[in-house]
Structures are given as structure tokens and as C-alpha cells.
PDBML (XML) file of the C-alpha atoms, coordinates in Angstrom:
<?xml version="1.0" encoding="UTF-8" ?>
<PDBx:datablock datablockName="MODEL"
   xmlns:PDBx="http://pdbml.pdb.org/schema/pdbx-v50.xsd"
   xmlns:xsi="http://www.w3.org/2001/XMLSchema-instance"
   xsi:schemaLocation="http://pdbml.pdb.org/schema/pdbx-v50.xsd pdbx-v50.xsd">
   <PDBx:atom_siteCategory>
      <PDBx:atom_site id="1">
         <PDBx:B_iso_or_equiv>0.00</PDBx:B_iso_or_equiv>
         <PDBx:Cartn_x>0.028</PDBx:Cartn_x>
         <PDBx:Cartn_y>0.236</PDBx:Cartn_y>
         <PDBx:Cartn_z>-0.314</PDBx:Cartn_z>
         <PDBx:auth_asym_id>A</PDBx:auth_asym_id>
         <PDBx:auth_atom_id>CA</PDBx:auth_atom_id>
         <PDBx:auth_comp_id>UNK</PDBx:auth_comp_id>
         <PDBx:auth_seq_id>1</PDBx:auth_seq_id>
         <PDBx:group_PDB>ATOM</PDBx:group_PDB>
         <PDBx:label_alt_id xsi:nil="true" />
         <PDBx:label_asym_id>A</PDBx:label_asym_id>
         <PDBx:label_atom_id>CA</PDBx:label_atom_id>
         <PDBx:label_comp_id>UNK</PDBx:label_comp_id>
         <PDBx:label_entity_id>1</PDBx:label_entity_id>
         <PDBx:label_seq_id>1</PDBx:label_seq_id>
         <PDBx:occupancy>1.00</PDBx:occupancy>
         <PDBx:pdbx_PDB_model_num>1</PDBx:pdbx_PDB_model_num>
         <PDBx:type_symbol>C</PDBx:type_symbol>
      </PDBx:atom_site>
      <PDBx:atom_site id="2">
         <PDBx:B_iso_or_equiv>0.00</PDBx:B_iso_or_equiv>
         <PDBx:Cartn_x>2.817</PDBx:Cartn_x>
         <PDBx:Cartn_y>2.324</PDBx:Cartn_y>
         <PDBx:Cartn_z>0.639</PDBx:Cartn_z>
         <PDBx:auth_asym_id>A</PDBx:auth_asym_id>
         <PDBx:auth_atom_id>CA</PDBx:auth_atom_id>
         <PDBx:auth_comp_id>UNK</PDBx:auth_comp_id>
         <PDBx:auth_seq_id>2</PDBx:auth_seq_id>
         <PDBx:group_PDB>ATOM</PDBx:group_PDB>
         <PDBx:label_alt_id xsi:nil="true" />
         <PDBx:label_asym_id>A</PDBx:label_asym_id>
         <PDBx:label_atom_id>CA</PDBx:label_atom_id>
         <PDBx:label_comp_id>UNK</PDBx:label_comp_id>
         <PDBx:label_entity_id>1</PDBx:label_entity_id>
         <PDBx:label_seq_id>2</PDBx:label_seq_id>
         <PDBx:occupancy>1.00</PDBx:occupancy>
         <PDBx:pdbx_PDB_model_num>1</PDBx:pdbx_PDB_model_num>
         <PDBx:type_symbol>C</PDBx:type_symbol>
      </PDBx:atom_site>
      <PDBx:atom_site id="3">
         <PDBx:B_iso_or_equiv>0.00</PDBx:B_iso_or_equiv>
         <PDBx:Cartn_x>3.872</PDBx:Cartn_x>
         <PDBx:Cartn_y>1.749</PDBx:Cartn_y>
         <PDBx:Cartn_z>-3.084</PDBx:Cartn_z>
         <PDBx:auth_asym_id>A</PDBx:auth_asym_id>
         <PDBx:auth_atom_id>CA</PDBx:auth_atom_id>
         <PDBx:auth_comp_id>UNK</PDBx:auth_comp_id>
         <PDBx:auth_seq_id>3</PDBx:auth_seq_id>
         <PDBx:group_PDB>ATOM</PDBx:group_PDB>
         <PDBx:label_alt_id xsi:nil="true" />
         <PDBx:label_asym_id>A</PDBx:label_asym_id>
         <PDBx:label_atom_id>CA</PDBx:label_atom_id>
         <PDBx:label_comp_id>UNK</PDBx:label_comp_id>
         <PDBx:label_entity_id>1</PDBx:label_entity_id>
         <PDBx:label_seq_id>3</PDBx:label_seq_id>
         <PDBx:occupancy>1.00</PDBx:occupancy>
         <PDBx:pdbx_PDB_model_num>1</PDBx:pdbx_PDB_model_num>
         <PDBx:type_symbol>C</PDBx:type_symbol>
      </PDBx:atom_site>
      <PDBx:atom_site id="4">
         <PDBx:B_iso_or_equiv>0.00</PDBx:B_iso_or_equiv>
         <PDBx:Cartn_x>1.191</PDBx:Cartn_x>
         <PDBx:Cartn_y>1.316</PDBx:Cartn_y>
         <PDBx:Cartn_z>-4.701</PDBx:Cartn_z>
         <PDBx:auth_asym_id>A</PDBx:auth_asym_id>
         <PDBx:auth_atom_id>CA</PDBx:auth_atom_id>
         <PDBx:auth_comp_id>UNK</PDBx:auth_comp_id>
         <PDBx:auth_seq_id>4</PDBx:auth_seq_id>
         <PDBx:group_PDB>ATOM</PDBx:group_PDB>
         <PDBx:label_alt_id xsi:nil="true" />
         <PDBx:label_asym_id>A</PDBx:label_asym_id>
         <PDBx:label_atom_id>CA</PDBx:label_atom_id>
         <PDBx:label_comp_id>UNK</PDBx:label_comp_id>
         <PDBx:label_entity_id>1</PDBx:label_entity_id>
         <PDBx:label_seq_id>4</PDBx:label_seq_id>
         <PDBx:occupancy>1.00</PDBx:occupancy>
         <PDBx:pdbx_PDB_model_num>1</PDBx:pdbx_PDB_model_num>
         <PDBx:type_symbol>C</PDBx:type_symbol>
      </PDBx:atom_site>
      <PDBx:atom_site id="5">
         <PDBx:B_iso_or_equiv>0.00</PDBx:B_iso_or_equiv>
         <PDBx:Cartn_x>-1.029</PDBx:Cartn_x>
         <PDBx:Cartn_y>4.539</PDBx:Cartn_y>
         <PDBx:Cartn_z>-3.759</PDBx:Cartn_z>
         <PDBx:auth_asym_id>A</PDBx:auth_asym_id>
         <PDBx:auth_atom_id>CA</PDBx:auth_atom_id>
         <PDBx:auth_comp_id>UNK</PDBx:auth_comp_id>
         <PDBx:auth_seq_id>5</PDBx:auth_seq_id>
         <PDBx:group_PDB>ATOM</PDBx:group_PDB>
         <PDBx:label_alt_id xsi:nil="true" />
         <PDBx:label_asym_id>A</PDBx:label_asym_id>
         <PDBx:label_atom_id>CA</PDBx:label_atom_id>
         <PDBx:label_comp_id>UNK</PDBx:label_comp_id>
         <PDBx:label_entity_id>1</PDBx:label_entity_id>
         <PDBx:label_seq_id>5</PDBx:label_seq_id>
         <PDBx:occupancy>1.00</PDBx:occupancy>
         <PDBx:pdbx_PDB_model_num>1</PDBx:pdbx_PDB_model_num>
         <PDBx:type_symbol>C</PDBx:type_symbol>
      </PDBx:atom_site>
      <PDBx:atom_site id="6">
         <PDBx:B_iso_or_equiv>0.00</PDBx:B_iso_or_equiv>
         <PDBx:Cartn_x>-3.744</PDBx:Cartn_x>
         <PDBx:Cartn_y>3.460</PDBx:Cartn_y>
         <PDBx:Cartn_z>-5.725</PDBx:Cartn_z>
         <PDBx:auth_asym_id>A</PDBx:auth_asym_id>
         <PDBx:auth_atom_id>CA</PDBx:auth_atom_id>
         <PDBx:auth_comp_id>UNK</PDBx:auth_comp_id>
         <PDBx:auth_seq_id>6</PDBx:auth_seq_id>
         <PDBx:group_PDB>ATOM</PDBx:group_PDB>
         <PDBx:label_alt_id xsi:nil="true" />
         <PDBx:label_asym_id>A</PDBx:label_asym_id>
         <PDBx:label_atom_id>CA</PDBx:label_atom_id>
         <PDBx:label_comp_id>UNK</PDBx:label_comp_id>
         <PDBx:label_entity_id>1</PDBx:label_entity_id>
         <PDBx:label_seq_id>6</PDBx:label_seq_id>
         <PDBx:occupancy>1.00</PDBx:occupancy>
         <PDBx:pdbx_PDB_model_num>1</PDBx:pdbx_PDB_model_num>
         <PDBx:type_symbol>C</PDBx:type_symbol>
      </PDBx:atom_site>
      <PDBx:atom_site id="7">
         <PDBx:B_iso_or_equiv>0.00</PDBx:B_iso_or_equiv>
         <PDBx:Cartn_x>-4.073</PDBx:Cartn_x>
         <PDBx:Cartn_y>0.374</PDBx:Cartn_y>
         <PDBx:Cartn_z>-3.907</PDBx:Cartn_z>
         <PDBx:auth_asym_id>A</PDBx:auth_asym_id>
         <PDBx:auth_atom_id>CA</PDBx:auth_atom_id>
         <PDBx:auth_comp_id>UNK</PDBx:auth_comp_id>
         <PDBx:auth_seq_id>7</PDBx:auth_seq_id>
         <PDBx:group_PDB>ATOM</PDBx:group_PDB>
         <PDBx:label_alt_id xsi:nil="true" />
         <PDBx:label_asym_id>A</PDBx:label_asym_id>
         <PDBx:label_atom_id>CA</PDBx:label_atom_id>
         <PDBx:label_comp_id>UNK</PDBx:label_comp_id>
         <PDBx:label_entity_id>1</PDBx:label_entity_id>
         <PDBx:label_seq_id>7</PDBx:label_seq_id>
         <PDBx:occupancy>1.00</PDBx:occupancy>
         <PDBx:pdbx_PDB_model_num>1</PDBx:pdbx_PDB_model_num>
         <PDBx:type_symbol>C</PDBx:type_symbol>
      </PDBx:atom_site>
      <PDBx:atom_site id="8">
         <PDBx:B_iso_or_equiv>0.00</PDBx:B_iso_or_equiv>
         <PDBx:Cartn_x>-6.799</PDBx:Cartn_x>
         <PDBx:Cartn_y>-0.029</PDBx:Cartn_y>
         <PDBx:Cartn_z>-1.648</PDBx:Cartn_z>
         <PDBx:auth_asym_id>A</PDBx:auth_asym_id>
         <PDBx:auth_atom_id>CA</PDBx:auth_atom_id>
         <PDBx:auth_comp_id>UNK</PDBx:auth_comp_id>
         <PDBx:auth_seq_id>8</PDBx:auth_seq_id>
         <PDBx:group_PDB>ATOM</PDBx:group_PDB>
         <PDBx:label_alt_id xsi:nil="true" />
         <PDBx:label_asym_id>A</PDBx:label_asym_id>
         <PDBx:label_atom_id>CA</PDBx:label_atom_id>
         <PDBx:label_comp_id>UNK</PDBx:label_comp_id>
         <PDBx:label_entity_id>1</PDBx:label_entity_id>
         <PDBx:label_seq_id>8</PDBx:label_seq_id>
         <PDBx:occupancy>1.00</PDBx:occupancy>
         <PDBx:pdbx_PDB_model_num>1</PDBx:pdbx_PDB_model_num>
         <PDBx:type_symbol>C</PDBx:type_symbol>
      </PDBx:atom_site>
      <PDBx:atom_site id="9">
         <PDBx:B_iso_or_equiv>0.00</PDBx:B_iso_or_equiv>
         <PDBx:Cartn_x>-7.235</PDBx:Cartn_x>
         <PDBx:Cartn_y>-3.253</PDBx:Cartn_y>
         <PDBx:Cartn_z>-0.686</PDBx:Cartn_z>
         <PDBx:auth_asym_id>A</PDBx:auth_asym_id>
         <PDBx:auth_atom_id>CA</PDBx:auth_atom_id>
         <PDBx:auth_comp_id>UNK</PDBx:auth_comp_id>
         <PDBx:auth_seq_id>9</PDBx:auth_seq_id>
         <PDBx:group_PDB>ATOM</PDBx:group_PDB>
         <PDBx:label_alt_id xsi:nil="true" />
         <PDBx:label_asym_id>A</PDBx:label_asym_id>
         <PDBx:label_atom_id>CA</PDBx:label_atom_id>
         <PDBx:label_comp_id>UNK</PDBx:label_comp_id>
         <PDBx:label_entity_id>1</PDBx:label_entity_id>
         <PDBx:label_seq_id>9</PDBx:label_seq_id>
         <PDBx:occupancy>1.00</PDBx:occupancy>
         <PDBx:pdbx_PDB_model_num>1</PDBx:pdbx_PDB_model_num>
         <PDBx:type_symbol>C</PDBx:type_symbol>
      </PDBx:atom_site>
      <PDBx:atom_site id="10">
         <PDBx:B_iso_or_equiv>0.00</PDBx:B_iso_or_equiv>
         <PDBx:Cartn_x>-6.156</PDBx:Cartn_x>
         <PDBx:Cartn_y>-7.449</PDBx:Cartn_y>
         <PDBx:Cartn_z>-0.992</PDBx:Cartn_z>
         <PDBx:auth_asym_id>A</PDBx:auth_asym_id>
         <PDBx:auth_atom_id>CA</PDBx:auth_atom_id>
         <PDBx:auth_comp_id>UNK</PDBx:auth_comp_id>
         <PDBx:auth_seq_id>10</PDBx:auth_seq_id>
         <PDBx:group_PDB>ATOM</PDBx:group_PDB>
         <PDBx:label_alt_id xsi:nil="true" />
         <PDBx:label_asym_id>A</PDBx:label_asym_id>
         <PDBx:label_atom_id>CA</PDBx:label_atom_id>
         <PDBx:label_comp_id>UNK</PDBx:label_comp_id>
         <PDBx:label_entity_id>1</PDBx:label_entity_id>
         <PDBx:label_seq_id>10</PDBx:label_seq_id>
         <PDBx:occupancy>1.00</PDBx:occupancy>
         <PDBx:pdbx_PDB_model_num>1</PDBx:pdbx_PDB_model_num>
         <PDBx:type_symbol>C</PDBx:type_symbol>
      </PDBx:atom_site>
      <PDBx:atom_site id="11">
         <PDBx:B_iso_or_equiv>0.00</PDBx:B_iso_or_equiv>
         <PDBx:Cartn_x>-7.555</PDBx:Cartn_x>
         <PDBx:Cartn_y>-10.887</PDBx:Cartn_y>
         <PDBx:Cartn_z>-0.784</PDBx:Cartn_z>
         <PDBx:auth_asym_id>A</PDBx:auth_asym_id>
         <PDBx:auth_atom_id>CA</PDBx:auth_atom_id>
         <PDBx:auth_comp_id>UNK</PDBx:auth_comp_id>
         <PDBx:auth_seq_id>11</PDBx:auth_seq_id>
         <PDBx:group_PDB>ATOM</PDBx:group_PDB>
         <PDBx:label_alt_id xsi:nil="true" />
         <PDBx:label_asym_id>A</PDBx:label_asym_id>
         <PDBx:label_atom_id>CA</PDBx:label_atom_id>
         <PDBx:label_comp_id>UNK</PDBx:label_comp_id>
         <PDBx:label_entity_id>1</PDBx:label_entity_id>
         <PDBx:label_seq_id>11</PDBx:label_seq_id>
         <PDBx:occupancy>1.00</PDBx:occupancy>
         <PDBx:pdbx_PDB_model_num>1</PDBx:pdbx_PDB_model_num>
         <PDBx:type_symbol>C</PDBx:type_symbol>
      </PDBx:atom_site>
      <PDBx:atom_site id="12">
         <PDBx:B_iso_or_equiv>0.00</PDBx:B_iso_or_equiv>
         <PDBx:Cartn_x>-4.853</PDBx:Cartn_x>
         <PDBx:Cartn_y>-12.450</PDBx:Cartn_y>
         <PDBx:Cartn_z>1.091</PDBx:Cartn_z>
         <PDBx:auth_asym_id>A</PDBx:auth_asym_id>
         <PDBx:auth_atom_id>CA</PDBx:auth_atom_id>
         <PDBx:auth_comp_id>UNK</PDBx:auth_comp_id>
         <PDBx:auth_seq_id>12</PDBx:auth_seq_id>
         <PDBx:group_PDB>ATOM</PDBx:group_PDB>
         <PDBx:label_alt_id xsi:nil="true" />
         <PDBx:label_asym_id>A</PDBx:label_asym_id>
         <PDBx:label_atom_id>CA</PDBx:label_atom_id>
         <PDBx:label_comp_id>UNK</PDBx:label_comp_id>
         <PDBx:label_entity_id>1</PDBx:label_entity_id>
         <PDBx:label_seq_id>12</PDBx:label_seq_id>
         <PDBx:occupancy>1.00</PDBx:occupancy>
         <PDBx:pdbx_PDB_model_num>1</PDBx:pdbx_PDB_model_num>
         <PDBx:type_symbol>C</PDBx:type_symbol>
      </PDBx:atom_site>
      <PDBx:atom_site id="13">
         <PDBx:B_iso_or_equiv>0.00</PDBx:B_iso_or_equiv>
         <PDBx:Cartn_x>-4.858</PDBx:Cartn_x>
         <PDBx:Cartn_y>-16.294</PDBx:Cartn_y>
         <PDBx:Cartn_z>0.566</PDBx:Cartn_z>
         <PDBx:auth_asym_id>A</PDBx:auth_asym_id>
         <PDBx:auth_atom_id>CA</PDBx:auth_atom_id>
         <PDBx:auth_comp_id>UNK</PDBx:auth_comp_id>
         <PDBx:auth_seq_id>13</PDBx:auth_seq_id>
         <PDBx:group_PDB>ATOM</PDBx:group_PDB>
         <PDBx:label_alt_id xsi:nil="true" />
         <PDBx:label_asym_id>A</PDBx:label_asym_id>
         <PDBx:label_atom_id>CA</PDBx:label_atom_id>
         <PDBx:label_comp_id>UNK</PDBx:label_comp_id>
         <PDBx:label_entity_id>1</PDBx:label_entity_id>
         <PDBx:label_seq_id>13</PDBx:label_seq_id>
         <PDBx:occupancy>1.00</PDBx:occupancy>
         <PDBx:pdbx_PDB_model_num>1</PDBx:pdbx_PDB_model_num>
         <PDBx:type_symbol>C</PDBx:type_symbol>
      </PDBx:atom_site>
      <PDBx:atom_site id="14">
         <PDBx:B_iso_or_equiv>0.00</PDBx:B_iso_or_equiv>
         <PDBx:Cartn_x>-2.346</PDBx:Cartn_x>
         <PDBx:Cartn_y>-18.174</PDBx:Cartn_y>
         <PDBx:Cartn_z>2.652</PDBx:Cartn_z>
         <PDBx:auth_asym_id>A</PDBx:auth_asym_id>
         <PDBx:auth_atom_id>CA</PDBx:auth_atom_id>
         <PDBx:auth_comp_id>UNK</PDBx:auth_comp_id>
         <PDBx:auth_seq_id>14</PDBx:auth_seq_id>
         <PDBx:group_PDB>ATOM</PDBx:group_PDB>
         <PDBx:label_alt_id xsi:nil="true" />
         <PDBx:label_asym_id>A</PDBx:label_asym_id>
         <PDBx:label_atom_id>CA</PDBx:label_atom_id>
         <PDBx:label_comp_id>UNK</PDBx:label_comp_id>
         <PDBx:label_entity_id>1</PDBx:label_entity_id>
         <PDBx:label_seq_id>14</PDBx:label_seq_id>
         <PDBx:occupancy>1.00</PDBx:occupancy>
         <PDBx:pdbx_PDB_model_num>1</PDBx:pdbx_PDB_model_num>
         <PDBx:type_symbol>C</PDBx:type_symbol>
      </PDBx:atom_site>
      <PDBx:atom_site id="15">
         <PDBx:B_iso_or_equiv>0.00</PDBx:B_iso_or_equiv>
         <PDBx:Cartn_x>-1.626</PDBx:Cartn_x>
         <PDBx:Cartn_y>-22.453</PDBx:Cartn_y>
         <PDBx:Cartn_z>2.766</PDBx:Cartn_z>
         <PDBx:auth_asym_id>A</PDBx:auth_asym_id>
         <PDBx:auth_atom_id>CA</PDBx:auth_atom_id>
         <PDBx:auth_comp_id>UNK</PDBx:auth_comp_id>
         <PDBx:auth_seq_id>15</PDBx:auth_seq_id>
         <PDBx:group_PDB>ATOM</PDBx:group_PDB>
         <PDBx:label_alt_id xsi:nil="true" />
         <PDBx:label_asym_id>A</PDBx:label_asym_id>
         <PDBx:label_atom_id>CA</PDBx:label_atom_id>
         <PDBx:label_comp_id>UNK</PDBx:label_comp_id>
         <PDBx:label_entity_id>1</PDBx:label_entity_id>
         <PDBx:label_seq_id>15</PDBx:label_seq_id>
         <PDBx:occupancy>1.00</PDBx:occupancy>
         <PDBx:pdbx_PDB_model_num>1</PDBx:pdbx_PDB_model_num>
         <PDBx:type_symbol>C</PDBx:type_symbol>
      </PDBx:atom_site>
      <PDBx:atom_site id="16">
         <PDBx:B_iso_or_equiv>0.00</PDBx:B_iso_or_equiv>
         <PDBx:Cartn_x>0.689</PDBx:Cartn_x>
         <PDBx:Cartn_y>-23.408</PDBx:Cartn_y>
         <PDBx:Cartn_z>5.910</PDBx:Cartn_z>
         <PDBx:auth_asym_id>A</PDBx:auth_asym_id>
         <PDBx:auth_atom_id>CA</PDBx:auth_atom_id>
         <PDBx:auth_comp_id>UNK</PDBx:auth_comp_id>
         <PDBx:auth_seq_id>16</PDBx:auth_seq_id>
         <PDBx:group_PDB>ATOM</PDBx:group_PDB>
         <PDBx:label_alt_id xsi:nil="true" />
         <PDBx:label_asym_id>A</PDBx:label_asym_id>
         <PDBx:label_atom_id>CA</PDBx:label_atom_id>
         <PDBx:label_comp_id>UNK</PDBx:label_comp_id>
         <PDBx:label_entity_id>1</PDBx:label_entity_id>
         <PDBx:label_seq_id>16</PDBx:label_seq_id>
         <PDBx:occupancy>1.00</PDBx:occupancy>
         <PDBx:pdbx_PDB_model_num>1</PDBx:pdbx_PDB_model_num>
         <PDBx:type_symbol>C</PDBx:type_symbol>
      </PDBx:atom_site>
      <PDBx:atom_site id="17">
         <PDBx:B_iso_or_equiv>0.00</PDBx:B_iso_or_equiv>
         <PDBx:Cartn_x>1.337</PDBx:Cartn_x>
         <PDBx:Cartn_y>-27.168</PDBx:Cartn_y>
         <PDBx:Cartn_z>7.208</PDBx:Cartn_z>
         <PDBx:auth_asym_id>A</PDBx:auth_asym_id>
         <PDBx:auth_atom_id>CA</PDBx:auth_atom_id>
         <PDBx:auth_comp_id>UNK</PDBx:auth_comp_id>
         <PDBx:auth_seq_id>17</PDBx:auth_seq_id>
         <PDBx:group_PDB>ATOM</PDBx:group_PDB>
         <PDBx:label_alt_id xsi:nil="true" />
         <PDBx:label_asym_id>A</PDBx:label_asym_id>
         <PDBx:label_atom_id>CA</PDBx:label_atom_id>
         <PDBx:label_comp_id>UNK</PDBx:label_comp_id>
         <PDBx:label_entity_id>1</PDBx:label_entity_id>
         <PDBx:label_seq_id>17</PDBx:label_seq_id>
         <PDBx:occupancy>1.00</PDBx:occupancy>
         <PDBx:pdbx_PDB_model_num>1</PDBx:pdbx_PDB_model_num>
         <PDBx:type_symbol>C</PDBx:type_symbol>
      </PDBx:atom_site>
      <PDBx:atom_site id="18">
         <PDBx:B_iso_or_equiv>0.00</PDBx:B_iso_or_equiv>
         <PDBx:Cartn_x>-1.529</PDBx:Cartn_x>
         <PDBx:Cartn_y>-27.104</PDBx:Cartn_y>
         <PDBx:Cartn_z>9.143</PDBx:Cartn_z>
         <PDBx:auth_asym_id>A</PDBx:auth_asym_id>
         <PDBx:auth_atom_id>CA</PDBx:auth_atom_id>
         <PDBx:auth_comp_id>UNK</PDBx:auth_comp_id>
         <PDBx:auth_seq_id>18</PDBx:auth_seq_id>
         <PDBx:group_PDB>ATOM</PDBx:group_PDB>
         <PDBx:label_alt_id xsi:nil="true" />
         <PDBx:label_asym_id>A</PDBx:label_asym_id>
         <PDBx:label_atom_id>CA</PDBx:label_atom_id>
         <PDBx:label_comp_id>UNK</PDBx:label_comp_id>
         <PDBx:label_entity_id>1</PDBx:label_entity_id>
         <PDBx:label_seq_id>18</PDBx:label_seq_id>
         <PDBx:occupancy>1.00</PDBx:occupancy>
         <PDBx:pdbx_PDB_model_num>1</PDBx:pdbx_PDB_model_num>
         <PDBx:type_symbol>C</PDBx:type_symbol>
      </PDBx:atom_site>
      <PDBx:atom_site id="19">
         <PDBx:B_iso_or_equiv>0.00</PDBx:B_iso_or_equiv>
         <PDBx:Cartn_x>-3.652</PDBx:Cartn_x>
         <PDBx:Cartn_y>-24.869</PDBx:Cartn_y>
         <PDBx:Cartn_z>7.721</PDBx:Cartn_z>
         <PDBx:auth_asym_id>A</PDBx:auth_asym_id>
         <PDBx:auth_atom_id>CA</PDBx:auth_atom_id>
         <PDBx:auth_comp_id>UNK</PDBx:auth_comp_id>
         <PDBx:auth_seq_id>19</PDBx:auth_seq_id>
         <PDBx:group_PDB>ATOM</PDBx:group_PDB>
         <PDBx:label_alt_id xsi:nil="true" />
         <PDBx:label_asym_id>A</PDBx:label_asym_id>
         <PDBx:label_atom_id>CA</PDBx:label_atom_id>
         <PDBx:label_comp_id>UNK</PDBx:label_comp_id>
         <PDBx:label_entity_id>1</PDBx:label_entity_id>
         <PDBx:label_seq_id>19</PDBx:label_seq_id>
         <PDBx:occupancy>1.00</PDBx:occupancy>
         <PDBx:pdbx_PDB_model_num>1</PDBx:pdbx_PDB_model_num>
         <PDBx:type_symbol>C</PDBx:type_symbol>
      </PDBx:atom_site>
      <PDBx:atom_site id="20">
         <PDBx:B_iso_or_equiv>0.00</PDBx:B_iso_or_equiv>
         <PDBx:Cartn_x>-5.409</PDBx:Cartn_x>
         <PDBx:Cartn_y>-22.668</PDBx:Cartn_y>
         <PDBx:Cartn_z>5.221</PDBx:Cartn_z>
         <PDBx:auth_asym_id>A</PDBx:auth_asym_id>
         <PDBx:auth_atom_id>CA</PDBx:auth_atom_id>
         <PDBx:auth_comp_id>UNK</PDBx:auth_comp_id>
         <PDBx:auth_seq_id>20</PDBx:auth_seq_id>
         <PDBx:group_PDB>ATOM</PDBx:group_PDB>
         <PDBx:label_alt_id xsi:nil="true" />
         <PDBx:label_asym_id>A</PDBx:label_asym_id>
         <PDBx:label_atom_id>CA</PDBx:label_atom_id>
         <PDBx:label_comp_id>UNK</PDBx:label_comp_id>
         <PDBx:label_entity_id>1</PDBx:label_entity_id>
         <PDBx:label_seq_id>20</PDBx:label_seq_id>
         <PDBx:occupancy>1.00</PDBx:occupancy>
         <PDBx:pdbx_PDB_model_num>1</PDBx:pdbx_PDB_model_num>
         <PDBx:type_symbol>C</PDBx:type_symbol>
      </PDBx:atom_site>
      <PDBx:atom_site id="21">
         <PDBx:B_iso_or_equiv>0.00</PDBx:B_iso_or_equiv>
         <PDBx:Cartn_x>-6.492</PDBx:Cartn_x>
         <PDBx:Cartn_y>-18.936</PDBx:Cartn_y>
         <PDBx:Cartn_z>6.060</PDBx:Cartn_z>
         <PDBx:auth_asym_id>A</PDBx:auth_asym_id>
         <PDBx:auth_atom_id>CA</PDBx:auth_atom_id>
         <PDBx:auth_comp_id>UNK</PDBx:auth_comp_id>
         <PDBx:auth_seq_id>21</PDBx:auth_seq_id>
         <PDBx:group_PDB>ATOM</PDBx:group_PDB>
         <PDBx:label_alt_id xsi:nil="true" />
         <PDBx:label_asym_id>A</PDBx:label_asym_id>
         <PDBx:label_atom_id>CA</PDBx:label_atom_id>
         <PDBx:label_comp_id>UNK</PDBx:label_comp_id>
         <PDBx:label_entity_id>1</PDBx:label_entity_id>
         <PDBx:label_seq_id>21</PDBx:label_seq_id>
         <PDBx:occupancy>1.00</PDBx:occupancy>
         <PDBx:pdbx_PDB_model_num>1</PDBx:pdbx_PDB_model_num>
         <PDBx:type_symbol>C</PDBx:type_symbol>
      </PDBx:atom_site>
      <PDBx:atom_site id="22">
         <PDBx:B_iso_or_equiv>0.00</PDBx:B_iso_or_equiv>
         <PDBx:Cartn_x>-7.990</PDBx:Cartn_x>
         <PDBx:Cartn_y>-16.069</PDBx:Cartn_y>
         <PDBx:Cartn_z>4.090</PDBx:Cartn_z>
         <PDBx:auth_asym_id>A</PDBx:auth_asym_id>
         <PDBx:auth_atom_id>CA</PDBx:auth_atom_id>
         <PDBx:auth_comp_id>UNK</PDBx:auth_comp_id>
         <PDBx:auth_seq_id>22</PDBx:auth_seq_id>
         <PDBx:group_PDB>ATOM</PDBx:group_PDB>
         <PDBx:label_alt_id xsi:nil="true" />
         <PDBx:label_asym_id>A</PDBx:label_asym_id>
         <PDBx:label_atom_id>CA</PDBx:label_atom_id>
         <PDBx:label_comp_id>UNK</PDBx:label_comp_id>
         <PDBx:label_entity_id>1</PDBx:label_entity_id>
         <PDBx:label_seq_id>22</PDBx:label_seq_id>
         <PDBx:occupancy>1.00</PDBx:occupancy>
         <PDBx:pdbx_PDB_model_num>1</PDBx:pdbx_PDB_model_num>
         <PDBx:type_symbol>C</PDBx:type_symbol>
      </PDBx:atom_site>
      <PDBx:atom_site id="23">
         <PDBx:B_iso_or_equiv>0.00</PDBx:B_iso_or_equiv>
         <PDBx:Cartn_x>-8.035</PDBx:Cartn_x>
         <PDBx:Cartn_y>-12.094</PDBx:Cartn_y>
         <PDBx:Cartn_z>4.773</PDBx:Cartn_z>
         <PDBx:auth_asym_id>A</PDBx:auth_asym_id>
         <PDBx:auth_atom_id>CA</PDBx:auth_atom_id>
         <PDBx:auth_comp_id>UNK</PDBx:auth_comp_id>
         <PDBx:auth_seq_id>23</PDBx:auth_seq_id>
         <PDBx:group_PDB>ATOM</PDBx:group_PDB>
         <PDBx:label_alt_id xsi:nil="true" />
         <PDBx:label_asym_id>A</PDBx:label_asym_id>
         <PDBx:label_atom_id>CA</PDBx:label_atom_id>
         <PDBx:label_comp_id>UNK</PDBx:label_comp_id>
         <PDBx:label_entity_id>1</PDBx:label_entity_id>
         <PDBx:label_seq_id>23</PDBx:label_seq_id>
         <PDBx:occupancy>1.00</PDBx:occupancy>
         <PDBx:pdbx_PDB_model_num>1</PDBx:pdbx_PDB_model_num>
         <PDBx:type_symbol>C</PDBx:type_symbol>
      </PDBx:atom_site>
      <PDBx:atom_site id="24">
         <PDBx:B_iso_or_equiv>0.00</PDBx:B_iso_or_equiv>
         <PDBx:Cartn_x>-8.632</PDBx:Cartn_x>
         <PDBx:Cartn_y>-9.423</PDBx:Cartn_y>
         <PDBx:Cartn_z>3.961</PDBx:Cartn_z>
         <PDBx:auth_asym_id>A</PDBx:auth_asym_id>
         <PDBx:auth_atom_id>CA</PDBx:auth_atom_id>
         <PDBx:auth_comp_id>UNK</PDBx:auth_comp_id>
         <PDBx:auth_seq_id>24</PDBx:auth_seq_id>
         <PDBx:group_PDB>ATOM</PDBx:group_PDB>
         <PDBx:label_alt_id xsi:nil="true" />
         <PDBx:label_asym_id>A</PDBx:label_asym_id>
         <PDBx:label_atom_id>CA</PDBx:label_atom_id>
         <PDBx:label_comp_id>UNK</PDBx:label_comp_id>
         <PDBx:label_entity_id>1</PDBx:label_entity_id>
         <PDBx:label_seq_id>24</PDBx:label_seq_id>
         <PDBx:occupancy>1.00</PDBx:occupancy>
         <PDBx:pdbx_PDB_model_num>1</PDBx:pdbx_PDB_model_num>
         <PDBx:type_symbol>C</PDBx:type_symbol>
      </PDBx:atom_site>
      <PDBx:atom_site id="25">
         <PDBx:B_iso_or_equiv>0.00</PDBx:B_iso_or_equiv>
         <PDBx:Cartn_x>-6.032</PDBx:Cartn_x>
         <PDBx:Cartn_y>-6.401</PDBx:Cartn_y>
         <PDBx:Cartn_z>4.373</PDBx:Cartn_z>
         <PDBx:auth_asym_id>A</PDBx:auth_asym_id>
         <PDBx:auth_atom_id>CA</PDBx:auth_atom_id>
         <PDBx:auth_comp_id>UNK</PDBx:auth_comp_id>
         <PDBx:auth_seq_id>25</PDBx:auth_seq_id>
         <PDBx:group_PDB>ATOM</PDBx:group_PDB>
         <PDBx:label_alt_id xsi:nil="true" />
         <PDBx:label_asym_id>A</PDBx:label_asym_id>
         <PDBx:label_atom_id>CA</PDBx:label_atom_id>
         <PDBx:label_comp_id>UNK</PDBx:label_comp_id>
         <PDBx:label_entity_id>1</PDBx:label_entity_id>
         <PDBx:label_seq_id>25</PDBx:label_seq_id>
         <PDBx:occupancy>1.00</PDBx:occupancy>
         <PDBx:pdbx_PDB_model_num>1</PDBx:pdbx_PDB_model_num>
         <PDBx:type_symbol>C</PDBx:type_symbol>
      </PDBx:atom_site>
   </PDBx:atom_siteCategory>
</PDBx:datablock>
């Protein structure tokens, strides 16, 4: 968000060894 001033939201998906999580930043 500091690098790209027009960006407002990221839908984040993370997959790890024990779980998968979704976030909105």
C-alpha cells in the first residue's frame, strides 16, 4: 500500500503445513 498509492485492498490466501487462511488487508 505504500508502494502503490492507488491500491486499497488485498484479498489474501495463505496455505501452510497445518491450515489455510483467508484475510482481507
